[in-house]
Amino acid sequence: FAVSVCKGLSVGRARAGHCLTAGVYFGGFQMLMPLAGYLLGVRF
């Protein structure tokens, strides 16, 4: 969220595409990383 605010600061005028891109990248990675961690388990 904090990085998204910073991205919004740097872009000037935010369009829906900017918001969608940030949501997909950050939301996607926040979804995939715990899944990867779950699959890797305690081993690593």
PDB file of all heavy atoms in Angstrom:
ATOM      1  N   PHE A   1       0.831  -1.200   0.000  1.00  0.00           N
ATOM      2  CA  PHE A   1       0.000   0.000   0.000  1.00  0.00           C
ATOM      3  C   PHE A   1       0.867   1.252   0.000  1.00  0.00           C
ATOM      4  O   PHE A   1       0.644   2.180  -0.781  1.00  0.00           O
ATOM      5  CB  PHE A   1      -0.939   0.002   1.210  1.00  0.00           C
ATOM      6  CG  PHE A   1      -1.700   1.288   1.387  1.00  0.00           C
ATOM      7  CD1 PHE A   1      -2.776   1.587   0.571  1.00  0.00           C
ATOM      8  CD2 PHE A   1      -1.339   2.194   2.365  1.00  0.00           C
ATOM      9  CE1 PHE A   1      -3.478   2.773   0.728  1.00  0.00           C
ATOM     10  CE2 PHE A   1      -2.028   3.389   2.536  1.00  0.00           C
ATOM     11  CZ  PHE A   1      -3.107   3.677   1.709  1.00  0.00           C
ATOM     12  N   ALA A   2       1.888   1.273   0.868  1.00  0.00           N
ATOM     13  CA  ALA A   2       2.779   2.440   0.936  1.00  0.00           C
ATOM     14  C   ALA A   2       3.502   2.650  -0.386  1.00  0.00           C
ATOM     15  O   ALA A   2       3.643   3.786  -0.860  1.00  0.00           O
ATOM     16  CB  ALA A   2       3.786   2.267   2.070  1.00  0.00           C
ATOM     17  N   VAL A   3       3.956   1.573  -1.016  1.00  0.00           N
ATOM     18  CA  VAL A   3       4.632   1.693  -2.308  1.00  0.00           C
ATOM     19  C   VAL A   3       3.643   2.164  -3.375  1.00  0.00           C
ATOM     20  O   VAL A   3       3.990   2.966  -4.239  1.00  0.00           O
ATOM     21  CB  VAL A   3       5.307   0.363  -2.707  1.00  0.00           C
ATOM     22  CG1 VAL A   3       5.841   0.417  -4.128  1.00  0.00           C
ATOM     23  CG2 VAL A   3       6.438   0.040  -1.737  1.00  0.00           C
ATOM     24  N   SER A   4       2.403   1.710  -3.296  1.00  0.00           N
ATOM     25  CA  SER A   4       1.382   2.159  -4.249  1.00  0.00           C
ATOM     26  C   SER A   4       1.126   3.655  -4.118  1.00  0.00           C
ATOM     27  O   SER A   4       0.949   4.349  -5.124  1.00  0.00           O
ATOM     28  CB  SER A   4       0.076   1.384  -4.041  1.00  0.00           C
ATOM     29  OG  SER A   4       0.255   0.030  -4.342  1.00  0.00           O
ATOM     30  N   VAL A   5       1.109   4.139  -2.896  1.00  0.00           N
ATOM     31  CA  VAL A   5       0.967   5.585  -2.689  1.00  0.00           C
ATOM     32  C   VAL A   5       2.148   6.303  -3.342  1.00  0.00           C
ATOM     33  O   VAL A   5       1.970   7.312  -4.033  1.00  0.00           O
ATOM     34  CB  VAL A   5       0.854   5.928  -1.185  1.00  0.00           C
ATOM     35  CG1 VAL A   5       0.938   7.431  -0.954  1.00  0.00           C
ATOM     36  CG2 VAL A   5      -0.444   5.373  -0.602  1.00  0.00           C
ATOM     37  N   CYS A   6       3.352   5.766  -3.164  1.00  0.00           N
ATOM     38  CA  CYS A   6       4.540   6.375  -3.781  1.00  0.00           C
ATOM     39  C   CYS A   6       4.457   6.336  -5.304  1.00  0.00           C
ATOM     40  O   CYS A   6       4.851   7.290  -5.976  1.00  0.00           O
ATOM     41  CB  CYS A   6       5.802   5.664  -3.308  1.00  0.00           C
ATOM     42  SG  CYS A   6       6.148   5.916  -1.553  1.00  0.00           S
ATOM     43  N   LYS A   7       3.959   5.235  -5.859  1.00  0.00           N
ATOM     44  CA  LYS A   7       3.786   5.156  -7.314  1.00  0.00           C
ATOM     45  C   LYS A   7       2.787   6.209  -7.779  1.00  0.00           C
ATOM     46  O   LYS A   7       2.979   6.853  -8.800  1.00  0.00           O
ATOM     47  CB  LYS A   7       3.323   3.762  -7.746  1.00  0.00           C
ATOM     48  CG  LYS A   7       4.345   2.657  -7.573  1.00  0.00           C
ATOM     49  CD  LYS A   7       5.597   2.890  -8.373  1.00  0.00           C
ATOM     50  CE  LYS A   7       5.388   2.571  -9.837  1.00  0.00           C
ATOM     51  NZ  LYS A   7       6.624   2.729 -10.614  1.00  0.00           N
ATOM     52  N   GLY A   8       1.719   6.389  -7.022  1.00  0.00           N
ATOM     53  CA  GLY A   8       0.740   7.420  -7.352  1.00  0.00           C
ATOM     54  C   GLY A   8       1.333   8.808  -7.284  1.00  0.00           C
ATOM     55  O   GLY A   8       1.033   9.669  -8.117  1.00  0.00           O
ATOM     56  N   LEU A   9       2.217   9.035  -6.316  1.00  0.00           N
ATOM     57  CA  LEU A   9       2.901  10.327  -6.206  1.00  0.00           C
ATOM     58  C   LEU A   9       3.717  10.611  -7.453  1.00  0.00           C
ATOM     59  O   LEU A   9       3.778  11.730  -7.944  1.00  0.00           O
ATOM     60  CB  LEU A   9       3.838  10.337  -4.997  1.00  0.00           C
ATOM     61  CG  LEU A   9       3.219  10.404  -3.615  1.00  0.00           C
ATOM     62  CD1 LEU A   9       4.278  10.155  -2.554  1.00  0.00           C
ATOM     63  CD2 LEU A   9       2.551  11.745  -3.402  1.00  0.00           C
ATOM     64  N   SER A  10       4.369   9.580  -7.974  1.00  0.00           N
ATOM     65  CA  SER A  10       5.284   9.778  -9.091  1.00  0.00           C
ATOM     66  C   SER A  10       4.589   9.860 -10.442  1.00  0.00           C
ATOM     67  O   SER A  10       5.154  10.385 -11.389  1.00  0.00           O
ATOM     68  CB  SER A  10       6.339   8.660  -9.116  1.00  0.00           C
ATOM     69  OG  SER A  10       5.739   7.428  -9.454  1.00  0.00           O
ATOM     70  N   VAL A  11       3.375   9.355 -10.549  1.00  0.00           N
ATOM     71  CA  VAL A  11       2.722   9.290 -11.855  1.00  0.00           C
ATOM     72  C   VAL A  11       1.998  10.579 -12.221  1.00  0.00           C
ATOM     73  O   VAL A  11       1.748  10.837 -13.383  1.00  0.00           O
ATOM     74  CB  VAL A  11       1.778   8.067 -11.939  1.00  0.00           C
ATOM     75  CG1 VAL A  11       0.492   8.310 -11.193  1.00  0.00           C
ATOM     76  CG2 VAL A  11       1.508   7.696 -13.366  1.00  0.00           C
ATOM     77  N   GLY A  12       1.700  11.409 -11.248  1.00  0.00           N
ATOM     78  CA  GLY A  12       0.977  12.645 -11.549  1.00  0.00           C
ATOM     79  C   GLY A  12      -0.513  12.405 -11.542  1.00  0.00           C
ATOM     80  O   GLY A  12      -1.143  12.474 -10.510  1.00  0.00           O
ATOM     81  N   ARG A  13      -1.067  12.092 -12.694  1.00  0.00           N
ATOM     82  CA  ARG A  13      -2.503  11.818 -12.797  1.00  0.00           C
ATOM     83  C   ARG A  13      -2.696  10.319 -12.952  1.00  0.00           C
ATOM     84  O   ARG A  13      -2.318   9.735 -13.969  1.00  0.00           O
ATOM     85  CB  ARG A  13      -3.092  12.567 -13.987  1.00  0.00           C
ATOM     86  CG  ARG A  13      -4.559  12.335 -14.171  1.00  0.00           C
ATOM     87  CD  ARG A  13      -5.146  13.370 -15.123  1.00  0.00           C
ATOM     88  NE  ARG A  13      -6.378  12.944 -15.741  1.00  0.00           N
ATOM     89  CZ  ARG A  13      -7.527  12.789 -15.126  1.00  0.00           C
ATOM     90  NH1 ARG A  13      -7.608  12.984 -13.828  1.00  0.00           N
ATOM     91  NH2 ARG A  13      -8.605  12.419 -15.778  1.00  0.00           N
ATOM     92  N   ALA A  14      -3.314   9.700 -11.957  1.00  0.00           N
ATOM     93  CA  ALA A  14      -3.531   8.250 -11.981  1.00  0.00           C
ATOM     94  C   ALA A  14      -4.758   7.925 -12.824  1.00  0.00           C
ATOM     95  O   ALA A  14      -5.794   8.568 -12.704  1.00  0.00           O
ATOM     96  CB  ALA A  14      -3.707   7.721 -10.569  1.00  0.00           C
ATOM     97  N   ARG A  15      -4.593   6.939 -13.664  1.00  0.00           N
ATOM     98  CA  ARG A  15      -5.707   6.407 -14.448  1.00  0.00           C
ATOM     99  C   ARG A  15      -6.068   5.038 -13.873  1.00  0.00           C
ATOM    100  O   ARG A  15      -5.312   4.456 -13.101  1.00  0.00           O
ATOM    101  CB  ARG A  15      -5.310   6.298 -15.915  1.00  0.00           C
ATOM    102  CG  ARG A  15      -5.037   7.658 -16.562  1.00  0.00           C
ATOM    103  CD  ARG A  15      -4.772   7.551 -18.049  1.00  0.00           C
ATOM    104  NE  ARG A  15      -3.686   6.628 -18.385  1.00  0.00           N
ATOM    105  CZ  ARG A  15      -2.411   6.965 -18.499  1.00  0.00           C
ATOM    106  NH1 ARG A  15      -2.051   8.218 -18.315  1.00  0.00           N
ATOM    107  NH2 ARG A  15      -1.498   6.066 -18.817  1.00  0.00           N
ATOM    108  N   ALA A  16      -7.207   4.530 -14.291  1.00  0.00           N
ATOM    109  CA  ALA A  16      -7.643   3.213 -13.815  1.00  0.00           C
ATOM    110  C   ALA A  16      -6.600   2.147 -14.144  1.00  0.00           C
ATOM    111  O   ALA A  16      -6.389   1.219 -13.366  1.00  0.00           O
ATOM    112  CB  ALA A  16      -8.996   2.850 -14.428  1.00  0.00           C
ATOM    113  N   GLY A  17      -5.915   2.280 -15.275  1.00  0.00           N
ATOM    114  CA  GLY A  17      -4.876   1.316 -15.647  1.00  0.00           C
ATOM    115  C   GLY A  17      -3.720   1.296 -14.664  1.00  0.00           C
ATOM    116  O   GLY A  17      -3.154   0.232 -14.388  1.00  0.00           O
ATOM    117  N   HIS A  18      -3.349   2.468 -14.132  1.00  0.00           N
ATOM    118  CA  HIS A  18      -2.295   2.521 -13.120  1.00  0.00           C
ATOM    119  C   HIS A  18      -2.727   1.765 -11.864  1.00  0.00           C
ATOM    120  O   HIS A  18      -1.961   0.980 -11.292  1.00  0.00           O
ATOM    121  CB  HIS A  18      -1.960   3.967 -12.741  1.00  0.00           C
ATOM    122  CG  HIS A  18      -1.352   4.748 -13.848  1.00  0.00           C
ATOM    123  ND1 HIS A  18      -1.881   5.939 -14.263  1.00  0.00           N
ATOM    124  CD2 HIS A  18      -0.271   4.522 -14.624  1.00  0.00           C
ATOM    125  CE1 HIS A  18      -1.145   6.428 -15.252  1.00  0.00           C
ATOM    126  NE2 HIS A  18      -0.162   5.574 -15.496  1.00  0.00           N
ATOM    127  N   CYS A  19      -3.949   2.039 -11.427  1.00  0.00           N
ATOM    128  CA  CYS A  19      -4.475   1.391 -10.223  1.00  0.00           C
ATOM    129  C   CYS A  19      -4.581  -0.117 -10.426  1.00  0.00           C
ATOM    130  O   CYS A  19      -4.220  -0.902  -9.533  1.00  0.00           O
ATOM    131  CB  CYS A  19      -5.837   1.974  -9.866  1.00  0.00           C
ATOM    132  SG  CYS A  19      -5.812   3.737  -9.483  1.00  0.00           S
ATOM    133  N   LEU A  20      -5.061  -0.520 -11.600  1.00  0.00           N
ATOM    134  CA  LEU A  20      -5.195  -1.941 -11.913  1.00  0.00           C
ATOM    135  C   LEU A  20      -3.828  -2.627 -11.937  1.00  0.00           C
ATOM    136  O   LEU A  20      -3.650  -3.714 -11.371  1.00  0.00           O
ATOM    137  CB  LEU A  20      -5.902  -2.123 -13.251  1.00  0.00           C
ATOM    138  CG  LEU A  20      -6.094  -3.557 -13.723  1.00  0.00           C
ATOM    139  CD1 LEU A  20      -7.008  -4.318 -12.776  1.00  0.00           C
ATOM    140  CD2 LEU A  20      -6.663  -3.570 -15.140  1.00  0.00           C
ATOM    141  N   THR A  21      -2.854  -1.989 -12.560  1.00  0.00           N
ATOM    142  CA  THR A  21      -1.514  -2.564 -12.640  1.00  0.00           C
ATOM    143  C   THR A  21      -0.922  -2.762 -11.250  1.00  0.00           C
ATOM    144  O   THR A  21      -0.388  -3.831 -10.941  1.00  0.00           O
ATOM    145  CB  THR A  21      -0.587  -1.680 -13.493  1.00  0.00           C
ATOM    146  OG1 THR A  21      -1.142  -1.585 -14.816  1.00  0.00           O
ATOM    147  CG2 THR A  21       0.816  -2.244 -13.570  1.00  0.00           C
ATOM    148  N   ALA A  22      -1.007  -1.745 -10.405  1.00  0.00           N
ATOM    149  CA  ALA A  22      -0.478  -1.869  -9.043  1.00  0.00           C
ATOM    150  C   ALA A  22      -1.219  -2.965  -8.285  1.00  0.00           C
ATOM    151  O   ALA A  22      -0.594  -3.793  -7.602  1.00  0.00           O
ATOM    152  CB  ALA A  22      -0.589  -0.536  -8.303  1.00  0.00           C
ATOM    153  N   GLY A  23      -2.525  -2.994  -8.408  1.00  0.00           N
ATOM    154  CA  GLY A  23      -3.308  -4.015  -7.725  1.00  0.00           C
ATOM    155  C   GLY A  23      -2.956  -5.422  -8.172  1.00  0.00           C
ATOM    156  O   GLY A  23      -2.812  -6.330  -7.354  1.00  0.00           O
ATOM    157  N   VAL A  24      -2.783  -5.604  -9.480  1.00  0.00           N
ATOM    158  CA  VAL A  24      -2.468  -6.933 -10.008  1.00  0.00           C
ATOM    159  C   VAL A  24      -1.068  -7.369  -9.583  1.00  0.00           C
ATOM    160  O   VAL A  24      -0.872  -8.504  -9.121  1.00  0.00           O
ATOM    161  CB  VAL A  24      -2.617  -6.964 -11.549  1.00  0.00           C
ATOM    162  CG1 VAL A  24      -1.988  -8.205 -12.144  1.00  0.00           C
ATOM    163  CG2 VAL A  24      -4.085  -6.877 -11.934  1.00  0.00           C
ATOM    164  N   TYR A  25      -0.074  -6.483  -9.731  1.00  0.00           N
ATOM    165  CA  TYR A  25       1.288  -6.864  -9.335  1.00  0.00           C
ATOM    166  C   TYR A  25       1.391  -7.145  -7.844  1.00  0.00           C
ATOM    167  O   TYR A  25       1.846  -8.208  -7.429  1.00  0.00           O
ATOM    168  CB  TYR A  25       2.298  -5.774  -9.718  1.00  0.00           C
ATOM    169  CG  TYR A  25       2.875  -5.971 -11.089  1.00  0.00           C
ATOM    170  CD1 TYR A  25       2.330  -5.338 -12.191  1.00  0.00           C
ATOM    171  CD2 TYR A  25       3.972  -6.799 -11.291  1.00  0.00           C
ATOM    172  CE1 TYR A  25       2.850  -5.519 -13.462  1.00  0.00           C
ATOM    173  CE2 TYR A  25       4.510  -6.988 -12.551  1.00  0.00           C
ATOM    174  CZ  TYR A  25       3.941  -6.346 -13.634  1.00  0.00           C
ATOM    175  OH  TYR A  25       4.461  -6.540 -14.883  1.00  0.00           O
ATOM    176  N   PHE A  26       0.967  -6.190  -7.040  1.00  0.00           N
ATOM    177  CA  PHE A  26       1.127  -6.346  -5.594  1.00  0.00           C
ATOM    178  C   PHE A  26       0.187  -7.414  -5.043  1.00  0.00           C
ATOM    179  O   PHE A  26       0.595  -8.245  -4.239  1.00  0.00           O
ATOM    180  CB  PHE A  26       0.944  -5.011  -4.882  1.00  0.00           C
ATOM    181  CG  PHE A  26       2.000  -4.007  -5.229  1.00  0.00           C
ATOM    182  CD1 PHE A  26       1.660  -2.750  -5.691  1.00  0.00           C
ATOM    183  CD2 PHE A  26       3.338  -4.316  -5.110  1.00  0.00           C
ATOM    184  CE1 PHE A  26       2.638  -1.821  -6.020  1.00  0.00           C
ATOM    185  CE2 PHE A  26       4.324  -3.401  -5.434  1.00  0.00           C
ATOM    186  CZ  PHE A  26       3.975  -2.143  -5.891  1.00  0.00           C
ATOM    187  N   GLY A  27      -1.065  -7.396  -5.461  1.00  0.00           N
ATOM    188  CA  GLY A  27      -2.006  -8.415  -5.008  1.00  0.00           C
ATOM    189  C   GLY A  27      -1.606  -9.803  -5.483  1.00  0.00           C
ATOM    190  O   GLY A  27      -1.700 -10.778  -4.731  1.00  0.00           O
ATOM    191  N   GLY A  28      -1.133  -9.889  -6.728  1.00  0.00           N
ATOM    192  CA  GLY A  28      -0.702 -11.175  -7.260  1.00  0.00           C
ATOM    193  C   GLY A  28       0.478 -11.751  -6.498  1.00  0.00           C
ATOM    194  O   GLY A  28       0.483 -12.935  -6.141  1.00  0.00           O
ATOM    195  N   PHE A  29       1.472 -10.916  -6.226  1.00  0.00           N
ATOM    196  CA  PHE A  29       2.631 -11.408  -5.487  1.00  0.00           C
ATOM    197  C   PHE A  29       2.298 -11.701  -4.028  1.00  0.00           C
ATOM    198  O   PHE A  29       2.825 -12.649  -3.450  1.00  0.00           O
ATOM    199  CB  PHE A  29       3.820 -10.445  -5.597  1.00  0.00           C
ATOM    200  CG  PHE A  29       4.683 -10.741  -6.787  1.00  0.00           C
ATOM    201  CD1 PHE A  29       4.362 -10.242  -8.036  1.00  0.00           C
ATOM    202  CD2 PHE A  29       5.799 -11.552  -6.675  1.00  0.00           C
ATOM    203  CE1 PHE A  29       5.131 -10.531  -9.150  1.00  0.00           C
ATOM    204  CE2 PHE A  29       6.588 -11.850  -7.774  1.00  0.00           C
ATOM    205  CZ  PHE A  29       6.246 -11.333  -9.017  1.00  0.00           C
ATOM    206  N   GLN A  30       1.409 -10.898  -3.438  1.00  0.00           N
ATOM    207  CA  GLN A  30       1.004 -11.177  -2.058  1.00  0.00           C
ATOM    208  C   GLN A  30       0.192 -12.467  -1.989  1.00  0.00           C
ATOM    209  O   GLN A  30       0.073 -13.070  -0.925  1.00  0.00           O
ATOM    210  CB  GLN A  30       0.190 -10.022  -1.476  1.00  0.00           C
ATOM    211  CG  GLN A  30       0.986  -8.785  -1.198  1.00  0.00           C
ATOM    212  CD  GLN A  30       1.957  -8.917  -0.038  1.00  0.00           C
ATOM    213  OE1 GLN A  30       2.034  -9.926   0.637  1.00  0.00           O
ATOM    214  NE2 GLN A  30       2.723  -7.872   0.188  1.00  0.00           N
ATOM    215  N   MET A  31      -0.368 -12.891  -3.109  1.00  0.00           N
ATOM    216  CA  MET A  31      -1.092 -14.147  -3.161  1.00  0.00           C
ATOM    217  C   MET A  31      -0.140 -15.314  -3.457  1.00  0.00           C
ATOM    218  O   MET A  31      -0.232 -16.375  -2.833  1.00  0.00           O
ATOM    219  CB  MET A  31      -2.177 -14.081  -4.233  1.00  0.00           C
ATOM    220  CG  MET A  31      -3.039 -15.305  -4.322  1.00  0.00           C
ATOM    221  SD  MET A  31      -4.404 -15.113  -5.481  1.00  0.00           S
ATOM    222  CE  MET A  31      -3.529 -15.058  -7.031  1.00  0.00           C
ATOM    223  N   LEU A  32       0.783 -15.112  -4.385  1.00  0.00           N
ATOM    224  CA  LEU A  32       1.675 -16.199  -4.794  1.00  0.00           C
ATOM    225  C   LEU A  32       2.752 -16.522  -3.767  1.00  0.00           C
ATOM    226  O   LEU A  32       3.113 -17.693  -3.591  1.00  0.00           O
ATOM    227  CB  LEU A  32       2.332 -15.859  -6.132  1.00  0.00           C
ATOM    228  CG  LEU A  32       1.405 -15.852  -7.339  1.00  0.00           C
ATOM    229  CD1 LEU A  32       2.153 -15.376  -8.578  1.00  0.00           C
ATOM    230  CD2 LEU A  32       0.785 -17.213  -7.565  1.00  0.00           C
ATOM    231  N   MET A  33       3.280 -15.508  -3.101  1.00  0.00           N
ATOM    232  CA  MET A  33       4.377 -15.756  -2.161  1.00  0.00           C
ATOM    233  C   MET A  33       3.959 -16.618  -0.967  1.00  0.00           C
ATOM    234  O   MET A  33       4.694 -17.545  -0.610  1.00  0.00           O
ATOM    235  CB  MET A  33       5.004 -14.440  -1.705  1.00  0.00           C
ATOM    236  CG  MET A  33       5.752 -13.728  -2.819  1.00  0.00           C
ATOM    237  SD  MET A  33       7.160 -14.652  -3.422  1.00  0.00           S
ATOM    238  CE  MET A  33       8.468 -13.611  -2.831  1.00  0.00           C
ATOM    239  N   PRO A  34       2.802 -16.382  -0.317  1.00  0.00           N
ATOM    240  CA  PRO A  34       2.450 -17.293   0.765  1.00  0.00           C
ATOM    241  C   PRO A  34       2.162 -18.710   0.252  1.00  0.00           C
ATOM    242  O   PRO A  34       2.434 -19.694   0.942  1.00  0.00           O
ATOM    243  CB  PRO A  34       1.210 -16.682   1.411  1.00  0.00           C
ATOM    244  CG  PRO A  34       0.875 -15.481   0.669  1.00  0.00           C
ATOM    245  CD  PRO A  34       1.899 -15.254  -0.391  1.00  0.00           C
ATOM    246  N   LEU A  35       1.640 -18.819  -0.965  1.00  0.00           N
ATOM    247  CA  LEU A  35       1.418 -20.137  -1.542  1.00  0.00           C
ATOM    248  C   LEU A  35       2.752 -20.850  -1.756  1.00  0.00           C
ATOM    249  O   LEU A  35       2.900 -22.028  -1.404  1.00  0.00           O
ATOM    250  CB  LEU A  35       0.649 -20.020  -2.861  1.00  0.00           C
ATOM    251  CG  LEU A  35       0.341 -21.330  -3.574  1.00  0.00           C
ATOM    252  CD1 LEU A  35      -0.511 -22.241  -2.693  1.00  0.00           C
ATOM    253  CD2 LEU A  35      -0.366 -21.045  -4.891  1.00  0.00           C
ATOM    254  N   ALA A  36       3.733 -20.119  -2.287  1.00  0.00           N
ATOM    255  CA  ALA A  36       5.071 -20.704  -2.469  1.00  0.00           C
ATOM    256  C   ALA A  36       5.678 -21.084  -1.121  1.00  0.00           C
ATOM    257  O   ALA A  36       6.272 -22.157  -0.980  1.00  0.00           O
ATOM    258  CB  ALA A  36       5.978 -19.725  -3.210  1.00  0.00           C
ATOM    259  N   GLY A  37       5.533 -20.211  -0.125  1.00  0.00           N
ATOM    260  CA  GLY A  37       6.047 -20.506   1.208  1.00  0.00           C
ATOM    261  C   GLY A  37       5.388 -21.731   1.809  1.00  0.00           C
ATOM    262  O   GLY A  37       6.045 -22.571   2.423  1.00  0.00           O
ATOM    263  N   TYR A  38       4.105 -21.832   1.599  1.00  0.00           N
ATOM    264  CA  TYR A  38       3.362 -22.990   2.091  1.00  0.00           C
ATOM    265  C   TYR A  38       3.892 -24.270   1.444  1.00  0.00           C
ATOM    266  O   TYR A  38       4.109 -25.276   2.116  1.00  0.00           O
ATOM    267  CB  TYR A  38       1.880 -22.808   1.779  1.00  0.00           C
ATOM    268  CG  TYR A  38       0.992 -23.928   2.238  1.00  0.00           C
ATOM    269  CD1 TYR A  38       0.522 -23.974   3.541  1.00  0.00           C
ATOM    270  CD2 TYR A  38       0.603 -24.935   1.359  1.00  0.00           C
ATOM    271  CE1 TYR A  38      -0.297 -24.993   3.965  1.00  0.00           C
ATOM    272  CE2 TYR A  38      -0.214 -25.960   1.773  1.00  0.00           C
ATOM    273  CZ  TYR A  38      -0.669 -25.985   3.072  1.00  0.00           C
ATOM    274  OH  TYR A  38      -1.483 -27.004   3.486  1.00  0.00           O
ATOM    275  N   LEU A  39       4.111 -24.215   0.129  1.00  0.00           N
ATOM    276  CA  LEU A  39       4.582 -25.392  -0.592  1.00  0.00           C
ATOM    277  C   LEU A  39       6.020 -25.756  -0.221  1.00  0.00           C
ATOM    278  O   LEU A  39       6.385 -26.926  -0.174  1.00  0.00           O
ATOM    279  CB  LEU A  39       4.446 -25.168  -2.103  1.00  0.00           C
ATOM    280  CG  LEU A  39       3.003 -25.011  -2.608  1.00  0.00           C
ATOM    281  CD1 LEU A  39       2.987 -24.647  -4.081  1.00  0.00           C
ATOM    282  CD2 LEU A  39       2.175 -26.250  -2.335  1.00  0.00           C
ATOM    283  N   LEU A  40       6.837 -24.753   0.027  1.00  0.00           N
ATOM    284  CA  LEU A  40       8.219 -25.032   0.420  1.00  0.00           C
ATOM    285  C   LEU A  40       8.311 -25.542   1.854  1.00  0.00           C
ATOM    286  O   LEU A  40       9.224 -26.304   2.195  1.00  0.00           O
ATOM    287  CB  LEU A  40       9.081 -23.776   0.273  1.00  0.00           C
ATOM    288  CG  LEU A  40       9.339 -23.314  -1.150  1.00  0.00           C
ATOM    289  CD1 LEU A  40      10.042 -21.968  -1.141  1.00  0.00           C
ATOM    290  CD2 LEU A  40      10.142 -24.335  -1.916  1.00  0.00           C
ATOM    291  N   GLY A  41       7.369 -25.067   2.684  1.00  0.00           N
ATOM    292  CA  GLY A  41       7.333 -25.505   4.072  1.00  0.00           C
ATOM    293  C   GLY A  41       8.572 -25.117   4.846  1.00  0.00           C
ATOM    294  O   GLY A  41       9.257 -24.150   4.541  1.00  0.00           O
ATOM    295  N   VAL A  42       8.858 -25.888   5.821  1.00  0.00           N
ATOM    296  CA  VAL A  42       9.929 -25.573   6.737  1.00  0.00           C
ATOM    297  C   VAL A  42      11.308 -25.864   6.144  1.00  0.00           C
ATOM    298  O   VAL A  42      12.318 -25.370   6.642  1.00  0.00           O
ATOM    299  CB  VAL A  42       9.719 -26.329   8.064  1.00  0.00           C
ATOM    300  CG1 VAL A  42      10.023 -27.802   7.908  1.00  0.00           C
ATOM    301  CG2 VAL A  42      10.543 -25.713   9.178  1.00  0.00           C
ATOM    302  N   ARG A  43      11.370 -26.610   5.072  1.00  0.00           N
ATOM    303  CA  ARG A  43      12.657 -27.048   4.515  1.00  0.00           C
ATOM    304  C   ARG A  43      13.622 -25.901   4.221  1.00  0.00           C
ATOM    305  O   ARG A  43      14.807 -25.993   4.486  1.00  0.00           O
ATOM    306  CB  ARG A  43      12.413 -27.851   3.246  1.00  0.00           C
ATOM    307  CG  ARG A  43      13.658 -28.425   2.677  1.00  0.00           C
ATOM    308  CD  ARG A  43      13.350 -29.355   1.552  1.00  0.00           C
ATOM    309  NE  ARG A  43      14.588 -29.905   1.042  1.00  0.00           N
ATOM    310  CZ  ARG A  43      14.676 -30.565  -0.058  1.00  0.00           C
ATOM    311  NH1 ARG A  43      13.611 -30.782  -0.777  1.00  0.00           N
ATOM    312  NH2 ARG A  43      15.832 -31.021  -0.466  1.00  0.00           N
ATOM    313  N   PHE A  44      13.098 -24.811   3.655  1.00  0.00           N
ATOM    314  CA  PHE A  44      13.967 -23.697   3.275  1.00  0.00           C
ATOM    315  C   PHE A  44      13.772 -22.458   4.136  1.00  0.00           C
ATOM    316  O   PHE A  44      14.247 -21.388   3.800  1.00  0.00           O
ATOM    317  CB  PHE A  44      13.744 -23.330   1.802  1.00  0.00           C
ATOM    318  CG  PHE A  44      14.108 -24.430   0.865  1.00  0.00           C
ATOM    319  CD1 PHE A  44      13.121 -25.140   0.202  1.00  0.00           C
ATOM    320  CD2 PHE A  44      15.428 -24.768   0.660  1.00  0.00           C
ATOM    321  CE1 PHE A  44      13.449 -26.166  -0.662  1.00  0.00           C
ATOM    322  CE2 PHE A  44      15.771 -25.794  -0.212  1.00  0.00           C
ATOM    323  CZ  PHE A  44      14.774 -26.497  -0.873  1.00  0.00           C
TER     324      PHE A  44
END
